[in-house]
């Protein structure tokens, strides 16, 4: 009569039915020859050897070399590592799911016409939300508070800028015309980046806004509570883009007037 399974938990730990059978038999009988496990397990000779090899690979059975090889079950406490492996796989699966969720949500909402919203917290969420624009098929429009780009946020931004330039993604930025903005430009200004300094644009709002494709991303730059939101909706993105373009055009015209006035004044002198 084939051995009955006494510990169903072993199957939940990822062992096959044959593996459970042989592990339990070895647990109960101690060191045994492979041939002595054939009858009580109900498995064929070849299967017994194959399953014992599988259990050895998982670290649950030890072969004892001698005139004839004997097999011994390891201490049941070793089964904890199977749980650890399952938990690691689940964590990896969760990470991969989170990576894919944004795109799946976007696809779903595009097909149903619903606006999509993703919310992230902390510096890791900030970097994930910021890096979403690296998939942009259009130029990125941005305004942010340069005074708040410090510490971990500044480090994340440096990595982001490098990746953006490597991918030849263009960006236009509106910044308050202050020392922090000039310092930022000295460090980060360069290829694929156009900047306008707005004289009447007050700083201190500790926020960044990015507009691209059909998305608007709001990023808080408060070190104590970082929250990032990706909002995907064509109408909202269009409104934000129009507001940006209005401000961009207005500040460019003001800059031209300032240059003209300065030039006129020099000639008059």
Protein backbone atom coordinates (compact mmCIF):
# COMPACT_ATOMS: atom_id res chain seq x y z
CA UNK A 1 0.00 0.00 0.00
CA UNK A 2 1.37 3.38 -1.05
CA UNK A 3 2.41 5.78 1.67
CA UNK A 4 -0.22 8.36 2.63
CA UNK A 5 0.74 12.03 2.78
CA UNK A 6 0.69 13.28 6.36
CA UNK A 7 1.97 16.84 5.86
CA UNK A 8 0.00 18.68 3.13
CA UNK A 9 1.96 21.83 4.04
CA UNK A 10 4.89 20.37 2.08
CA UNK A 11 2.92 20.71 -1.14
CA UNK A 12 2.15 24.34 -0.26
CA UNK A 13 5.90 24.90 0.09
CA UNK A 14 6.30 23.97 -3.56
CA UNK A 15 7.09 20.24 -3.43
CA UNK A 16 5.49 17.92 -5.95
CA UNK A 17 3.40 14.99 -4.68
CA UNK A 18 6.27 12.57 -5.45
CA UNK A 19 8.74 14.78 -3.60
CA UNK A 20 6.43 14.96 -0.59
CA UNK A 21 6.10 11.16 -0.56
CA UNK A 22 9.83 10.48 -0.56
CA UNK A 23 10.69 13.25 1.89
CA UNK A 24 8.08 11.96 4.35
CA UNK A 25 9.28 8.37 3.96
CA UNK A 26 12.86 9.41 4.69
CA UNK A 27 11.66 11.60 7.57
CA UNK A 28 9.94 8.59 9.13
CA UNK A 29 12.39 5.78 8.30
CA UNK A 30 15.73 7.57 8.52
CA UNK A 31 18.57 6.61 6.19
CA UNK A 32 17.32 4.37 3.39
CA UNK A 33 18.40 2.87 0.11
CA UNK A 34 16.62 4.14 -2.95
CA UNK A 35 15.29 0.66 -3.73
CA UNK A 36 13.68 0.47 -0.29
CA UNK A 37 11.57 3.51 -1.15
CA UNK A 38 10.04 2.05 -4.31
CA UNK A 39 7.34 -0.13 -2.78
CA UNK A 40 6.10 2.19 0.01
CA UNK A 41 6.04 5.20 -2.31
CA UNK A 42 4.27 3.46 -5.15
CA UNK A 43 6.70 5.06 -7.59
CA UNK A 44 8.67 3.29 -10.29
CA UNK A 45 12.40 2.69 -9.81
CA UNK A 46 13.41 5.40 -12.30
CA UNK A 47 11.02 7.90 -10.75
CA UNK A 48 12.41 7.28 -7.26
CA UNK A 49 15.95 8.10 -8.40
CA UNK A 50 14.77 11.17 -10.33
CA UNK A 51 12.78 12.51 -7.37
CA UNK A 52 15.65 11.91 -4.97
CA UNK A 53 17.87 13.95 -7.30
CA UNK A 54 15.29 16.75 -7.28
CA UNK A 55 15.16 16.70 -3.48
CA UNK A 56 18.96 16.85 -3.34
CA UNK A 57 18.94 19.85 -5.65
CA UNK A 58 16.50 21.59 -3.28
CA UNK A 59 18.74 20.73 -0.36
CA UNK A 60 16.13 18.53 1.35
CA UNK A 61 17.84 15.14 1.02
CA UNK A 62 21.45 14.19 1.64
CA UNK A 63 23.13 11.22 -0.08
CA UNK A 64 25.40 9.22 2.23
CA UNK A 65 28.12 7.55 0.20
CA UNK A 66 29.22 4.05 1.09
CA UNK A 67 29.07 0.55 -0.33
CA UNK A 68 25.55 1.49 -1.33
CA UNK A 69 24.31 5.06 -1.36
CA UNK A 70 21.88 5.84 1.42
CA UNK A 71 19.55 8.83 1.47
CA UNK A 72 18.62 10.91 4.50
CA UNK A 73 16.06 13.70 4.96
CA UNK A 74 17.50 17.00 6.22
CA UNK A 75 16.22 18.67 9.36
CA UNK A 76 12.64 19.93 8.70
CA UNK A 77 13.71 23.39 9.86
CA UNK A 78 15.57 23.62 6.53
CA UNK A 79 12.19 23.86 4.84
CA UNK A 80 12.12 27.51 5.96
CA UNK A 81 14.32 28.32 2.99
CA UNK A 82 11.49 27.22 0.67
CA UNK A 83 9.30 29.88 2.26
CA UNK A 84 12.10 32.43 1.89
CA UNK A 85 12.46 31.54 -1.79
CA UNK A 86 8.72 31.89 -2.34
CA UNK A 87 8.71 35.27 -0.61
CA UNK A 88 11.65 36.46 -2.72
CA UNK A 89 9.85 35.33 -5.88
CA UNK A 90 6.72 37.15 -4.77
CA UNK A 91 8.67 40.34 -4.07
CA UNK A 92 10.24 40.12 -7.50
CA UNK A 93 6.86 39.45 -9.09
CA UNK A 94 5.39 42.41 -7.21
CA UNK A 95 8.19 44.68 -8.45
CA UNK A 96 7.68 43.50 -12.04
CA UNK A 97 3.92 43.97 -11.68
CA UNK A 98 4.34 47.54 -10.47
CA UNK A 99 6.62 48.23 -13.43
CA UNK A 100 4.00 46.95 -15.86
CA UNK A 101 0.96 48.37 -14.06
CA UNK A 102 1.40 51.90 -15.34
CA UNK A 103 1.47 50.85 -18.97
CA UNK A 104 -1.40 48.40 -18.53
CA UNK A 105 -3.46 51.09 -16.82
CA UNK A 106 -2.69 53.53 -19.60
CA UNK A 107 -3.75 51.02 -22.23
CA UNK A 108 -6.96 50.25 -20.33
CA UNK A 109 -7.88 53.88 -19.86
CA UNK A 110 -7.12 54.77 -23.46
CA UNK A 111 -9.48 52.03 -24.61
CA UNK A 112 -12.24 53.08 -22.19
CA UNK A 113 -11.72 56.84 -22.37
CA UNK A 114 -11.14 57.13 -18.63
CA UNK A 115 -8.47 59.41 -17.13
CA UNK A 116 -5.67 57.47 -15.45
CA UNK A 117 -4.12 58.48 -12.14
CA UNK A 118 -1.05 56.96 -10.51
CA UNK A 119 0.19 58.10 -7.12
CA UNK A 120 3.67 57.46 -5.68
CA UNK A 121 5.25 58.31 -2.36
CA UNK A 122 8.84 58.84 -1.25
CA UNK A 123 12.05 59.40 -3.17
CA UNK A 124 11.79 56.07 -5.02
CA UNK A 125 8.28 56.96 -6.17
CA UNK A 126 9.54 60.39 -7.19
CA UNK A 127 12.22 58.85 -9.40
CA UNK A 128 9.75 56.40 -10.94
CA UNK A 129 7.27 59.18 -11.75
CA UNK A 130 10.01 61.45 -13.11
CA UNK A 131 11.43 58.68 -15.29
CA UNK A 132 8.03 58.09 -16.86
CA UNK A 133 8.72 61.09 -19.12
CA UNK A 134 11.68 59.19 -20.60
CA UNK A 135 9.04 57.36 -22.65
CA UNK A 136 7.70 60.66 -24.06
CA UNK A 137 7.06 60.83 -27.80
CA UNK A 138 6.73 64.63 -27.60
CA UNK A 139 8.95 67.29 -26.04
CA UNK A 140 8.58 67.76 -22.29
CA UNK A 141 7.30 71.04 -20.89
CA UNK A 142 8.32 71.78 -17.31
CA UNK A 143 8.24 74.34 -14.58
CA UNK A 144 9.60 73.81 -11.09
CA UNK A 145 11.01 75.47 -8.00
CA UNK A 146 14.83 75.36 -8.33
CA UNK A 147 15.27 76.26 -4.65
CA UNK A 148 13.79 72.86 -3.75
CA UNK A 149 16.03 70.74 -5.98
CA UNK A 150 18.48 69.70 -3.26
CA UNK A 151 19.66 66.53 -1.50
CA UNK A 152 18.22 63.25 -2.77
CA UNK A 153 15.94 65.09 -5.20
CA UNK A 154 18.95 66.76 -6.84
CA UNK A 155 20.73 63.41 -7.15
CA UNK A 156 17.68 61.76 -8.76
CA UNK A 157 17.38 64.73 -11.12
CA UNK A 158 21.03 64.43 -12.18
CA UNK A 159 20.49 60.78 -13.13
CA UNK A 160 17.30 61.70 -14.97
CA UNK A 161 18.90 64.52 -16.97
CA UNK A 162 21.70 62.20 -18.09
CA UNK A 163 19.22 59.57 -19.29
CA UNK A 164 17.06 62.17 -21.04
CA UNK A 165 19.99 63.55 -23.00
CA UNK A 166 21.18 60.07 -23.93
CA UNK A 167 17.73 59.47 -25.42
CA UNK A 168 17.70 62.85 -27.21
CA UNK A 169 14.45 63.91 -25.54
CA UNK A 170 13.92 67.68 -25.74
CA UNK A 171 12.64 69.73 -22.83
CA UNK A 172 11.54 73.34 -22.35
CA UNK A 173 11.66 74.73 -18.82
CA UNK A 174 10.25 77.84 -17.18
CA UNK A 175 12.05 78.85 -13.99
CA UNK A 176 11.74 81.77 -11.56
CA UNK A 177 14.49 84.30 -12.31
CA UNK A 178 16.52 83.91 -9.13
CA UNK A 179 19.97 82.78 -7.97
CA UNK A 180 18.91 79.14 -7.55
CA UNK A 181 17.74 79.07 -11.18
CA UNK A 182 21.03 80.53 -12.44
CA UNK A 183 22.96 78.01 -10.34
CA UNK A 184 20.80 75.20 -11.72
CA UNK A 185 21.44 76.32 -15.31
CA UNK A 186 25.18 76.45 -14.68
CA UNK A 187 25.08 72.79 -13.61
CA UNK A 188 22.28 71.31 -15.73
CA UNK A 189 22.01 73.58 -18.76
CA UNK A 190 23.01 72.01 -22.04
CA UNK A 191 21.81 69.98 -25.00
CA UNK A 192 18.15 69.25 -25.63
CA UNK A 193 17.13 71.87 -23.03
CA UNK A 194 15.68 75.36 -23.57
CA UNK A 195 15.03 77.57 -20.55
CA UNK A 196 13.14 80.80 -19.92
CA UNK A 197 13.65 82.72 -16.68
CA UNK A 198 10.38 84.35 -15.59
CA UNK A 199 10.93 87.57 -13.63
CA UNK A 200 7.51 87.58 -11.92
CA UNK A 201 7.42 83.86 -11.24
CA UNK A 202 7.80 83.49 -7.48
CA UNK A 203 9.70 80.52 -6.04
CA UNK A 204 8.99 78.67 -2.80
CA UNK A 205 6.20 76.43 -4.11
CA UNK A 206 8.32 73.25 -3.79
CA UNK A 207 6.66 71.60 -6.75
CA UNK A 208 7.46 70.55 -10.32
CA UNK A 209 5.07 70.02 -13.21
CA UNK A 210 5.85 68.04 -16.34
CA UNK A 211 3.66 67.93 -19.44
CA UNK A 212 4.18 65.45 -22.30
CA UNK A 213 2.07 63.27 -24.59
CA UNK A 214 -1.34 63.07 -22.85
CA UNK A 215 0.15 63.23 -19.36
CA UNK A 216 0.66 65.78 -16.63
CA UNK A 217 2.97 64.88 -13.75
CA UNK A 218 2.90 66.76 -10.45
CA UNK A 219 5.93 66.26 -8.21
CA UNK A 220 6.21 67.70 -4.73
CA UNK A 221 9.78 68.67 -3.86
CA UNK A 222 9.28 68.77 -0.12
CA UNK A 223 11.99 66.57 1.44
CA UNK A 224 9.75 65.68 4.37
CA UNK A 225 6.80 64.49 2.30
CA UNK A 226 7.41 63.62 -1.34
CA UNK A 227 4.29 62.78 -3.35
CA UNK A 228 4.20 62.26 -7.11
CA UNK A 229 1.10 62.03 -9.30
CA UNK A 230 0.89 60.98 -12.95
CA UNK A 231 -2.39 62.06 -14.50
CA UNK A 232 -3.18 60.87 -18.01
CA UNK A 233 -5.99 62.69 -19.77
CA UNK A 234 -5.81 64.42 -23.16
CA UNK A 235 -8.02 67.36 -22.16
CA UNK A 236 -6.16 68.13 -18.94
CA UNK A 237 -2.81 67.75 -20.71
CA UNK A 238 -3.97 70.12 -23.43
CA UNK A 239 -5.05 72.77 -20.90
CA UNK A 240 -1.72 72.52 -19.07
CA UNK A 241 0.17 72.72 -22.36
CA UNK A 242 -1.74 75.85 -23.44
CA UNK A 243 -1.00 77.49 -20.08
CA UNK A 244 2.69 76.67 -20.44
CA UNK A 245 2.83 77.99 -24.02
CA UNK A 246 1.10 81.23 -22.97
CA UNK A 247 3.62 81.79 -20.19
CA UNK A 248 6.55 80.78 -22.42
CA UNK A 249 5.52 83.22 -25.16
CA UNK A 250 4.87 86.02 -22.69
CA UNK A 251 8.25 85.64 -20.98
CA UNK A 252 10.09 85.42 -24.32
CA UNK A 253 8.43 88.63 -25.49
CA UNK A 254 9.36 90.32 -22.22
CA UNK A 255 12.97 89.22 -22.66
CA UNK A 256 13.05 90.62 -26.20
CA UNK A 257 11.66 93.96 -24.95
CA UNK A 258 14.29 94.07 -22.21
CA UNK A 259 17.06 93.48 -24.74
CA UNK A 260 15.62 96.10 -27.07
CA UNK A 261 15.35 98.65 -24.28
CA UNK A 262 18.89 97.97 -23.15
CA UNK A 263 20.20 98.31 -26.71
CA UNK A 264 18.26 101.53 -27.30
CA UNK A 265 19.55 102.98 -24.09
CA UNK A 266 23.14 102.20 -25.04
CA UNK A 267 22.72 103.88 -28.43
CA UNK A 268 21.15 106.93 -26.84
CA UNK A 269 24.18 107.32 -24.63
